[in-house]
Structures are given as structure tokens and as C-alpha cells.
Amino acid sequence: MQCIALSSARANTTSPVSLSPVKSELIATSNGYVIHRDGKPYFIKGAGGRSNLALLAQSGGNSIRTWGTDNAKAVLDEAHKHGLTVMLGLRIGHERHGFDYNDEDAVAKQKAWVKTQILAFKDHPALLAWGIGNEVDLFYSNTKVWFAVQDIAAMIKALDPNHLITTVTAGMDKTKLDLILERVPDIDYLSINIYGGLETLPKALLDMGYSGPYVVTEWGPTGHWQVPKTDWDVPIEQTSTQKAQSYRERYAAGVLAAPGRALGSYAFLWGQKQETTPTWYGVFTEAGYPNEVVDALHYNWQGTWPSVRAPYIKSFTLNGKVALNNIHVKPGEPLHVNLAVGEYQADGYTIRWEVLPESTDIKAGGDPESRPQPVPGLVVRDNHTGNMTLNAPQKPGGYRLFAYVLGSSGKVANANIPFYVD
């Protein structure tokens, strides 16, 4: 996935904060592999995104990942200000977007463009690693892409001996692994995007014959392609409470449980985006409020909970049914909603409701999607503590009822229930 639109990026060559790079390297020890940064062990406690960096640092994070070099100088400078490092993405072409790795001229031009990015940012003190591409293997058939990745990796190694080099894949399988190990020898470690399935990744890699180092470069809630679906074929999203639990369990099993192999991770997404829904992957709302997952990441990175926590979802029903119950209603029918909220501190909360038509702008690999427009004027009664009645939309089709619970702490819990107007 990615959190920004694919576009051409121009290097900003304005002088960065400092022209003194900090060396990062991969060290093999008797206990496995470890990153050293400035000569000291460095375990990546990261997130994908480029905003709210003060909160990331306060939560115990130490690194961010980008998907490209857009505004890279500003991103590197801001990260440096907060004591964070950056895995800087190098955007290269995807076969599914029309890039042809049989076109030698296009491949050469792409490599030349990447060189300008390396020269522009290689001496920035916040730089930790270069990430060549993101999920170039998603829906691909031309495995020549790995030769192009290797050419870029070898070039980076010659131009910049001070930083780590990797390439990011959409999951991992034996065929892909063997191709990368054979054709891309100049990367330092594997970088893998994985959602549901992270729990078993350490064993899966061993079963493929790989005991080397890796970083989990995207992980988080159960993916929209992995969850149960309604009988009208739309995915059922976890509540923020369920997601927070998933972030804790997956981190423990897929990252912490593989010392000497897992070098750290980048949680997805330290920001907000529309992907299937406006709430599926981002750990912030569109208004910028952090949700429960931020608290879970704080726990992952520091081993303790923050002093003030987000509210949480106990239960959420529409006409007495939960999201898994395939809720069908009639146009204009009164719908009775019950949302039970829990609090870790009794500071109060407010609830905002929103009904959105089911998104029809569904893309792949995190490509940009448009947000559906809300259906106004449906709420009939609301006691402001979780009991609410609304009228079903008049137009037949799929919808979702979203609940946003904002605690006085400024943190959010959220959930949605899909329903279908027959």
C-alpha cells in the first residue's frame, strides 16, 4: 500500500539541516542480525507517514517510512527535529500502472532519476535507509523488475556507503523470495508489507528457507481483502478496539518474537486515508484525532500505556444485529442503534454519527480513492450516549453507519456497520 498518490517527484536540493550523514549498517552477530546506527544498536520502532511526528516521538517511535521523495527535505528536517530517522522511499514504476521493464530506455531513465534523489538526500542526518519501490511485485508478471531493482541497489551502494538499502514487497512467498535472493544481492534485508498473517511470518520465512534479516514495512489491521464479507460482497471492518488488539498481538508475534531476524517495523498508517473506508487503515481521523491504535503502539514501543487513553467500543448494533449479521432494511425504515462505550478514565465523550454510501471507487495496492459523500438528515432521535434512531436512506444500495467517539482526552474510538437498503 501507499499513503500518497503516485506522481513524479522532483528533488529538492536546498541544503538540509546538516550535511553530516549518520552511518547505519547491518551487523551479523552470534545472536543474529542487528542494525547499528552511529555505532549503536538500533531497533526500528516506526510508522508509515509524515505528519504528527511530535506525537510519534512521544509515543516511543523512532523512525518513519515514506513511499517517495515528495517534499523529502521538509520530511527529513521535521523528522530530525523530533529525533526520528527516515526510511526514504524511492518510487519506481509498477507493471500494473503500465511501466514496461522490457523497455530498456524507460528503465535507464528511471535509474537516472533515482540517482538524482540519492545525491540530493544521502547526507541528511535523519536518513536511515533507502526503500527501492513499494510492492512492485503486486499483480506483476515480468520478473525483470528485480534486475532493475538490483541495478538501482548497486548504484546506491556505490554512491552512498552510509545507509541501508532494501526493497519492499507485497507479502512474501517462496518463488518471490528465491528471485530476490538470486537477482538482488545488494539489498541489506527484506522489507515485507503484511497485515493478517504477520503473526506467522517468522515461521513462514523459515519454512521458505530464509533465516536472514527482515523489516515489516507495513502492518496493521486485518486487510480489507482478508476479512469476512456481507452477502452483498463488502468487507466488514474491525472496530478501533479490535484493531488496537490486533496491533498488539501481531507486533508481539511477528516482530518481537523473532530477535536477531526482525530488525523492527513500520506500522501503517500514521495518518489518515480513504481506502475502502475513511477509517480502515489510518490511526488518525480526518480531523486529526488519534484513535485507540496510537495507544496500542505506545504500549508496543514503550511497554506501558499512556497516562490518558482513548475510549473503546464495547458493542455496536443496528436493529439488534452486529456487522456480521448481513443487515437488510427497507427504504425509510426506522433503524435503532445501540453503541456501548467504555472509558479508562471518566472524562466524558461525544458521539458523531455518519452514514456513507458504500464506496465504489475501490483500487489496489493503496492507490488513491475518492471518499463517498455522507447522506444527511437521517437521524431522528439521539440521546448522545449511544442510543440513536435514524431513518434508512430512500435510495436502494449498500451503506455504512459510522460512529466516532471523541473522548475529552482528544482521542477517538470508531466503528462502522454495513447495511443494505433493499
Protein backbone atom coordinates (compact mmCIF):
# COMPACT_ATOMS: atom_id res chain seq x y z
CA MET A 1 0.00 0.00 0.00
CA GLN A 2 0.96 3.61 -0.04
CA CYS A 3 -0.36 6.77 1.53
CA ILE A 4 0.33 9.30 -1.22
CA ALA A 5 -0.62 9.47 -4.87
CA LEU A 6 1.79 8.13 -7.46
CA SER A 7 3.36 11.09 -9.19
CA SER A 8 6.67 12.31 -10.47
CA ALA A 9 8.78 13.83 -7.71
CA ARG A 10 11.39 16.49 -8.15
CA ALA A 11 14.40 16.52 -5.87
CA ASN A 12 14.53 19.48 -3.51
CA THR A 13 18.22 20.20 -3.38
CA THR A 14 18.06 23.02 -0.87
CA SER A 15 20.69 22.47 1.83
CA PRO A 16 19.32 20.20 4.58
CA VAL A 17 19.70 20.73 8.31
CA SER A 18 23.21 19.35 8.27
CA LEU A 19 25.50 17.79 5.69
CA SER A 20 26.78 15.17 8.12
CA PRO A 21 25.34 11.72 7.45
CA VAL A 22 24.91 9.28 10.31
CA LYS A 23 26.09 5.83 9.31
CA SER A 24 23.67 2.92 9.51
CA GLU A 25 24.79 -0.63 8.82
CA LEU A 26 23.68 -4.21 9.25
CA ILE A 27 25.80 -6.21 11.68
CA ALA A 28 25.86 -10.01 11.88
CA THR A 29 26.36 -11.26 15.44
CA SER A 30 26.35 -14.64 17.13
CA ASN A 31 22.71 -13.95 18.02
CA GLY A 32 21.64 -12.93 14.53
CA TYR A 33 21.41 -9.55 12.86
CA VAL A 34 21.14 -6.05 14.24
CA ILE A 35 21.15 -2.55 12.76
CA HIS A 36 23.83 -0.24 14.07
CA ARG A 37 23.29 3.48 13.71
CA ASP A 38 26.19 5.71 14.66
CA GLY A 39 27.86 2.61 16.07
CA LYS A 40 24.99 1.71 18.43
CA PRO A 41 22.27 -0.97 18.16
CA TYR A 42 19.12 0.45 16.62
CA PHE A 43 15.76 -1.36 16.60
CA ILE A 44 13.20 0.26 14.30
CA LYS A 45 10.06 1.37 16.16
CA GLY A 46 8.46 3.05 13.22
CA ALA A 47 5.33 4.05 11.39
CA GLY A 48 4.50 4.88 7.80
CA GLY A 49 3.57 8.53 7.38
CA ARG A 50 4.95 12.02 7.65
CA SER A 51 2.63 14.01 9.94
CA ASN A 52 2.06 14.25 13.71
CA LEU A 53 5.72 13.45 14.29
CA ALA A 54 5.83 15.01 17.75
CA LEU A 55 3.22 12.51 18.94
CA LEU A 56 5.10 9.67 17.25
CA ALA A 57 8.23 10.54 19.21
CA GLN A 58 6.26 11.00 22.44
CA SER A 59 4.72 7.57 21.92
CA GLY A 60 8.14 5.95 21.74
CA GLY A 61 8.55 5.73 17.97
CA ASN A 62 11.97 6.39 16.48
CA SER A 63 11.52 6.21 12.70
CA ILE A 64 9.13 6.94 9.84
CA ARG A 65 8.77 5.47 6.40
CA THR A 66 7.83 7.35 3.22
CA TRP A 67 6.71 5.96 -0.14
CA GLY A 68 8.51 8.55 -2.23
CA THR A 69 10.73 11.61 -2.16
CA ASP A 70 8.00 14.24 -2.49
CA ASN A 71 8.95 17.12 -0.15
CA ALA A 72 11.74 14.91 1.15
CA LYS A 73 13.84 17.73 2.54
CA ALA A 74 10.99 19.02 4.70
CA VAL A 75 10.15 15.50 5.85
CA LEU A 76 13.77 14.72 6.74
CA ASP A 77 14.18 18.04 8.53
CA GLU A 78 10.99 17.58 10.55
CA ALA A 79 11.95 14.02 11.48
CA HIS A 80 15.39 15.18 12.55
CA LYS A 81 13.84 17.89 14.73
CA HIS A 82 11.98 15.18 16.65
CA GLY A 83 14.89 12.77 16.89
CA LEU A 84 13.42 10.41 14.29
CA THR A 85 15.05 8.61 11.37
CA VAL A 86 13.59 8.09 7.91
CA MET A 87 13.35 5.12 5.59
CA LEU A 88 13.12 7.18 2.42
CA GLY A 89 11.09 5.60 -0.36
CA LEU A 90 12.30 5.68 -3.96
CA ARG A 91 9.25 5.46 -6.20
CA ILE A 92 9.75 3.27 -9.24
CA GLY A 93 7.33 2.08 -11.92
CA HIS A 94 4.70 -0.63 -11.46
CA GLU A 95 3.75 -3.04 -14.20
CA ARG A 96 0.10 -2.66 -13.13
CA HIS A 97 0.36 1.08 -13.84
CA GLY A 98 1.78 0.48 -17.31
CA PHE A 99 5.53 0.55 -16.69
CA ASP A 100 7.34 -1.85 -19.02
CA TYR A 101 10.52 -3.42 -17.63
CA ASN A 102 11.30 -4.70 -21.12
CA ASP A 103 11.73 -1.06 -22.21
CA GLU A 104 15.44 -0.54 -21.64
CA ASP A 105 15.24 3.19 -22.28
CA ALA A 106 12.48 3.68 -19.69
CA VAL A 107 14.40 1.57 -17.17
CA ALA A 108 17.58 3.59 -17.76
CA LYS A 109 15.71 6.90 -17.37
CA GLN A 110 14.16 5.66 -14.15
CA LYS A 111 17.57 4.71 -12.76
CA ALA A 112 18.96 8.12 -13.72
CA TRP A 113 16.08 9.81 -11.91
CA VAL A 114 16.69 7.72 -8.79
CA LYS A 115 20.34 8.81 -8.88
CA THR A 116 19.27 12.46 -8.57
CA GLN A 117 17.32 11.57 -5.43
CA ILE A 118 20.23 9.71 -3.86
CA LEU A 119 22.61 12.60 -4.48
CA ALA A 120 20.10 15.10 -3.13
CA PHE A 121 19.42 13.42 0.22
CA LYS A 122 22.20 10.96 1.03
CA ASP A 123 23.95 13.26 3.50
CA HIS A 124 20.93 14.14 5.61
CA PRO A 125 21.45 13.12 9.27
CA ALA A 126 17.90 11.74 9.60
CA LEU A 127 18.31 9.24 6.77
CA LEU A 128 18.36 5.59 7.89
CA ALA A 129 17.63 3.53 4.77
CA TRP A 130 16.60 3.66 1.13
CA GLY A 131 13.46 1.75 0.14
CA ILE A 132 13.54 0.88 -3.57
CA GLY A 133 9.95 0.76 -4.79
CA ASN A 134 6.83 -0.32 -2.97
CA GLU A 135 5.03 -3.53 -3.91
CA VAL A 136 6.33 -3.57 -7.48
CA ASP A 137 5.52 -7.28 -7.34
CA LEU A 138 1.78 -6.70 -6.82
CA PHE A 139 -0.10 -8.28 -9.76
CA TYR A 140 3.11 -8.44 -11.80
CA SER A 141 4.26 -10.95 -14.39
CA ASN A 142 7.55 -9.50 -15.64
CA THR A 143 10.22 -10.59 -13.18
CA LYS A 144 12.80 -8.41 -14.94
CA VAL A 145 11.79 -5.81 -12.38
CA TRP A 146 14.21 -7.47 -9.95
CA PHE A 147 17.15 -6.86 -12.30
CA ALA A 148 16.17 -3.18 -12.37
CA VAL A 149 15.94 -3.11 -8.57
CA GLN A 150 19.40 -4.66 -8.36
CA ASP A 151 20.87 -2.09 -10.76
CA ILE A 152 19.50 0.65 -8.54
CA ALA A 153 20.72 -1.06 -5.35
CA ALA A 154 24.23 -1.43 -6.74
CA MET A 155 24.24 2.21 -7.79
CA ILE A 156 23.13 3.33 -4.31
CA LYS A 157 25.81 1.21 -2.68
CA ALA A 158 28.44 2.98 -4.79
CA LEU A 159 27.02 6.47 -4.23
CA ASP A 160 26.13 6.16 -0.56
CA PRO A 161 28.09 3.79 1.67
CA ASN A 162 26.47 5.22 4.81
CA HIS A 163 22.92 3.90 4.62
CA LEU A 164 20.96 0.68 4.36
CA ILE A 165 19.28 -0.47 1.17
CA THR A 166 16.11 -2.55 0.80
CA THR A 167 13.14 -3.16 -1.47
CA VAL A 168 9.54 -3.51 -0.31
CA THR A 169 7.29 -6.40 -1.34
CA ALA A 170 3.60 -7.20 -1.02
CA GLY A 171 3.87 -10.19 1.29
CA MET A 172 6.33 -12.97 0.56
CA ASP A 173 6.27 -16.41 -1.00
CA LYS A 174 8.94 -18.93 -1.92
CA THR A 175 9.06 -18.04 -5.61
CA LYS A 176 9.39 -14.33 -4.95
CA LEU A 177 11.93 -14.89 -2.20
CA ASP A 178 14.16 -17.00 -4.43
CA LEU A 179 14.03 -14.41 -7.22
CA ILE A 180 15.00 -11.60 -4.87
CA LEU A 181 17.83 -13.54 -3.23
CA GLU A 182 19.18 -14.53 -6.64
CA ARG A 183 18.71 -11.28 -8.53
CA VAL A 184 19.01 -8.53 -5.88
CA PRO A 185 22.15 -9.32 -3.84
CA ASP A 186 22.89 -5.69 -2.96
CA ILE A 187 19.97 -5.11 -0.60
CA ASP A 188 20.74 -5.46 3.09
CA TYR A 189 17.48 -7.09 4.21
CA LEU A 190 13.97 -7.95 3.09
CA SER A 191 11.16 -5.45 3.64
CA ILE A 192 7.70 -7.02 3.72
CA ASN A 193 4.22 -5.49 3.79
CA ILE A 194 1.82 -7.85 5.55
CA TYR A 195 -1.42 -7.45 7.50
CA GLY A 196 -3.34 -10.54 8.60
CA GLY A 197 -0.61 -13.19 8.55
CA LEU A 198 2.06 -11.18 10.34
CA GLU A 199 1.59 -13.47 13.33
CA THR A 200 3.04 -16.40 11.41
CA LEU A 201 5.61 -14.53 9.31
CA PRO A 202 8.71 -15.60 11.30
CA LYS A 203 7.86 -19.29 10.84
CA ALA A 204 6.72 -18.79 7.24
CA LEU A 205 10.10 -17.30 6.30
CA LEU A 206 11.93 -20.17 7.96
CA ASP A 207 9.72 -22.63 6.09
CA MET A 208 10.77 -20.88 2.85
CA GLY A 209 14.40 -21.43 3.82
CA TYR A 210 15.13 -17.86 4.87
CA SER A 211 16.64 -17.13 8.29
CA GLY A 212 18.05 -13.74 7.38
CA PRO A 213 17.07 -10.23 8.45
CA TYR A 214 13.79 -8.53 7.63
CA VAL A 215 11.75 -5.43 8.45
CA VAL A 216 7.96 -5.38 8.39
CA THR A 217 7.40 -2.19 6.42
CA GLU A 218 3.59 -2.16 6.54
CA TRP A 219 1.36 -3.92 9.03
CA GLY A 220 -1.76 -3.14 10.98
CA PRO A 221 -5.43 -4.08 10.92
CA THR A 222 -6.75 -7.08 9.07
CA GLY A 223 -6.75 -6.10 5.40
CA HIS A 224 -9.98 -5.39 3.56
CA TRP A 225 -9.21 -8.37 1.30
CA GLN A 226 -8.81 -10.70 4.31
CA VAL A 227 -11.93 -10.11 6.41
CA PRO A 228 -15.41 -11.69 6.21
CA LYS A 229 -17.84 -10.09 3.74
CA THR A 230 -21.54 -9.38 3.75
CA ASP A 231 -23.90 -11.19 1.42
CA TRP A 232 -23.68 -8.15 -0.89
CA ASP A 233 -19.90 -8.67 -1.02
CA VAL A 234 -18.46 -5.79 1.02
CA PRO A 235 -15.77 -6.29 3.66
CA ILE A 236 -16.54 -5.95 7.37
CA GLU A 237 -14.13 -3.60 9.12
CA GLN A 238 -12.75 -4.19 12.60
CA THR A 239 -13.68 -1.65 15.27
CA SER A 240 -10.83 0.52 16.51
CA THR A 241 -10.87 -1.59 19.68
CA GLN A 242 -10.38 -4.79 17.71
CA LYS A 243 -7.67 -3.12 15.64
CA ALA A 244 -5.80 -1.98 18.74
CA GLN A 245 -5.74 -5.57 19.96
CA SER A 246 -4.54 -6.77 16.55
CA TYR A 247 -1.69 -4.24 16.57
CA ARG A 248 -0.51 -5.55 19.92
CA GLU A 249 -0.82 -9.24 19.09
CA ARG A 250 0.70 -9.01 15.62
CA TYR A 251 3.65 -6.94 16.79
CA ALA A 252 4.42 -9.42 19.55
CA ALA A 253 4.19 -12.46 17.29
CA GLY A 254 5.59 -11.15 14.02
CA VAL A 255 8.30 -8.76 15.18
CA LEU A 256 9.30 -9.18 18.82
CA ALA A 257 9.15 -12.97 18.59
CA ALA A 258 11.97 -13.07 16.00
CA PRO A 259 15.01 -11.47 17.70
CA GLY A 260 18.11 -11.46 15.54
CA ARG A 261 15.95 -11.64 12.42
CA ALA A 262 13.28 -8.95 12.71
CA LEU A 263 15.05 -5.58 12.72
CA GLY A 264 11.88 -3.65 13.58
CA SER A 265 8.82 -2.44 11.75
CA TYR A 266 6.75 0.43 10.36
CA ALA A 267 3.10 0.38 11.41
CA PHE A 268 0.51 1.53 8.87
CA LEU A 269 -0.76 4.23 8.70
CA TRP A 270 0.46 7.14 10.82
CA GLY A 271 -2.05 9.46 9.19
CA GLN A 272 -5.45 9.13 7.51
CA LYS A 273 -6.59 8.00 4.09
CA GLN A 274 -9.61 6.74 2.22
CA GLU A 275 -9.06 3.08 1.42
CA THR A 276 -12.29 1.08 1.27
CA THR A 277 -13.47 3.34 4.13
CA PRO A 278 -12.10 6.56 5.67
CA THR A 279 -11.16 4.67 8.85
CA TRP A 280 -9.75 1.32 7.80
CA TYR A 281 -6.01 1.99 7.93
CA GLY A 282 -5.26 5.43 9.36
CA VAL A 283 -4.62 5.79 13.08
CA PHE A 284 -5.93 9.37 12.94
CA THR A 285 -9.33 10.72 11.97
CA GLU A 286 -9.80 13.19 9.15
CA ALA A 287 -9.94 15.90 11.82
CA GLY A 288 -6.55 14.77 13.15
CA TYR A 289 -7.61 12.98 16.35
CA PRO A 290 -5.61 9.84 17.26
CA ASN A 291 -7.57 6.63 17.71
CA GLU A 292 -7.06 3.67 20.02
CA VAL A 293 -4.31 2.21 17.85
CA VAL A 294 -1.97 5.06 18.80
CA ASP A 295 -2.28 3.94 22.42
CA ALA A 296 -1.54 0.35 21.39
CA LEU A 297 1.58 1.48 19.51
CA HIS A 298 2.67 3.44 22.59
CA TYR A 299 2.41 0.18 24.52
CA ASN A 300 4.30 -1.76 21.84
CA TRP A 301 7.15 0.72 21.78
CA GLN A 302 7.42 1.59 25.48
CA GLY A 303 5.90 -1.34 27.34
CA THR A 304 3.47 0.93 29.20
CA TRP A 305 0.14 2.55 28.38
CA PRO A 306 -0.13 6.34 28.04
CA SER A 307 -1.49 8.09 31.13
CA VAL A 308 -4.64 9.15 29.25
CA ARG A 309 -6.23 6.67 26.87
CA ALA A 310 -8.86 6.69 24.15
CA PRO A 311 -12.38 5.42 24.82
CA TYR A 312 -13.20 1.97 23.48
CA ILE A 313 -16.06 0.13 21.80
CA LYS A 314 -17.86 -2.48 23.90
CA SER A 315 -20.59 -3.30 21.39
CA PHE A 316 -22.33 -1.80 18.36
CA THR A 317 -25.67 -2.96 16.95
CA LEU A 318 -28.19 -1.82 14.37
CA ASN A 319 -31.69 -3.19 14.88
CA GLY A 320 -30.13 -5.54 17.42
CA LYS A 321 -27.72 -7.01 14.86
CA VAL A 322 -23.95 -6.77 14.56
CA ALA A 323 -21.97 -6.16 11.39
CA LEU A 324 -21.57 -9.87 10.65
CA ASN A 325 -25.36 -10.38 10.52
CA ASN A 326 -25.98 -9.18 6.91
CA ILE A 327 -28.32 -6.34 7.82
CA HIS A 328 -31.02 -5.66 5.20
CA VAL A 329 -33.56 -2.85 5.65
CA LYS A 330 -36.32 -1.12 3.69
CA PRO A 331 -36.15 2.43 2.32
CA GLY A 332 -37.08 4.94 5.03
CA GLU A 333 -37.38 2.25 7.71
CA PRO A 334 -36.57 3.42 11.28
CA LEU A 335 -33.26 1.90 12.39
CA HIS A 336 -32.44 1.56 16.06
CA VAL A 337 -28.78 1.87 17.02
CA ASN A 338 -27.05 0.94 20.26
CA LEU A 339 -23.41 1.78 20.86
CA ALA A 340 -21.84 0.80 24.19
CA VAL A 341 -18.70 2.78 25.01
CA GLY A 342 -16.07 2.13 27.66
CA GLU A 343 -13.68 4.60 29.28
CA TYR A 344 -10.34 4.13 31.03
CA GLN A 345 -10.78 7.47 32.78
CA ALA A 346 -14.15 9.11 33.42
CA ASP A 347 -13.59 12.23 31.34
CA GLY A 348 -16.69 12.02 29.18
CA TYR A 349 -17.15 11.70 25.44
CA THR A 350 -19.23 12.82 22.48
CA ILE A 351 -20.52 10.68 19.62
CA ARG A 352 -20.72 11.72 15.98
CA TRP A 353 -22.73 9.65 13.50
CA GLU A 354 -22.29 9.48 9.74
CA VAL A 355 -23.95 7.43 7.00
CA LEU A 356 -21.91 6.90 3.86
CA PRO A 357 -22.87 5.04 0.68
CA GLU A 358 -20.62 2.03 0.15
CA SER A 359 -17.53 3.13 -1.77
CA THR A 360 -17.44 2.18 -5.44
CA ASP A 361 -14.00 3.68 -6.06
CA ILE A 362 -12.01 0.65 -4.93
CA LYS A 363 -8.40 0.45 -6.11
CA ALA A 364 -5.48 -1.91 -5.49
CA GLY A 365 -2.23 -1.53 -3.63
CA GLY A 366 -3.26 1.64 -1.83
CA ASP A 367 -3.81 3.71 -4.96
CA PRO A 368 -5.81 6.90 -4.24
CA GLU A 369 -9.57 6.51 -3.81
CA SER A 370 -12.34 9.09 -3.54
CA ARG A 371 -14.38 9.37 -0.35
CA PRO A 372 -18.15 8.81 -0.59
CA GLN A 373 -20.30 11.79 0.35
CA PRO A 374 -22.41 11.45 3.52
CA VAL A 375 -26.19 11.12 3.42
CA PRO A 376 -27.56 13.99 5.56
CA GLY A 377 -30.72 14.37 7.63
CA LEU A 378 -31.28 10.74 8.63
CA VAL A 379 -31.01 10.97 12.45
CA VAL A 380 -34.41 11.14 14.16
CA ARG A 381 -33.54 10.76 17.85
CA ASP A 382 -30.22 10.73 19.67
CA ASN A 383 -29.66 10.54 23.43
CA HIS A 384 -25.95 11.38 22.88
CA THR A 385 -24.77 8.40 24.94
CA GLY A 386 -25.09 5.67 22.30
CA ASN A 387 -28.80 5.15 21.68
CA MET A 388 -29.92 6.62 18.39
CA THR A 389 -32.68 6.19 15.80
CA LEU A 390 -32.31 7.07 12.14
CA ASN A 391 -34.32 6.52 9.01
CA ALA A 392 -32.80 4.31 6.34
CA PRO A 393 -31.88 6.13 3.11
CA GLN A 394 -34.53 6.08 0.40
CA LYS A 395 -32.16 5.01 -2.36
CA PRO A 396 -31.51 1.24 -2.52
CA GLY A 397 -27.96 0.04 -2.16
CA GLY A 398 -25.15 -0.52 0.30
CA TYR A 399 -24.33 1.90 3.12
CA ARG A 400 -22.28 2.09 6.30
CA LEU A 401 -23.19 3.72 9.59
CA PHE A 402 -20.07 5.18 11.21
CA ALA A 403 -19.73 6.06 14.90
CA TYR A 404 -16.93 8.35 16.07
CA VAL A 405 -16.49 8.53 19.86
CA LEU A 406 -14.34 11.50 20.88
CA GLY A 407 -13.11 11.46 24.47
CA SER A 408 -12.34 14.64 26.35
CA SER A 409 -8.74 13.49 26.08
CA GLY A 410 -8.87 14.27 22.35
CA LYS A 411 -8.60 10.59 21.44
CA VAL A 412 -11.11 8.59 19.42
CA ALA A 413 -12.73 5.18 19.16
CA ASN A 414 -14.61 4.36 15.97
CA ALA A 415 -16.64 1.63 14.31
CA ASN A 416 -18.95 1.11 11.38
CA ILE A 417 -21.75 -1.28 10.45
CA PRO A 418 -22.57 -2.05 6.80
CA PHE A 419 -26.25 -2.36 5.87
CA TYR A 420 -28.19 -2.76 2.65
CA VAL A 421 -31.35 -0.92 1.60
CA ASP A 422 -33.40 -3.35 -0.50
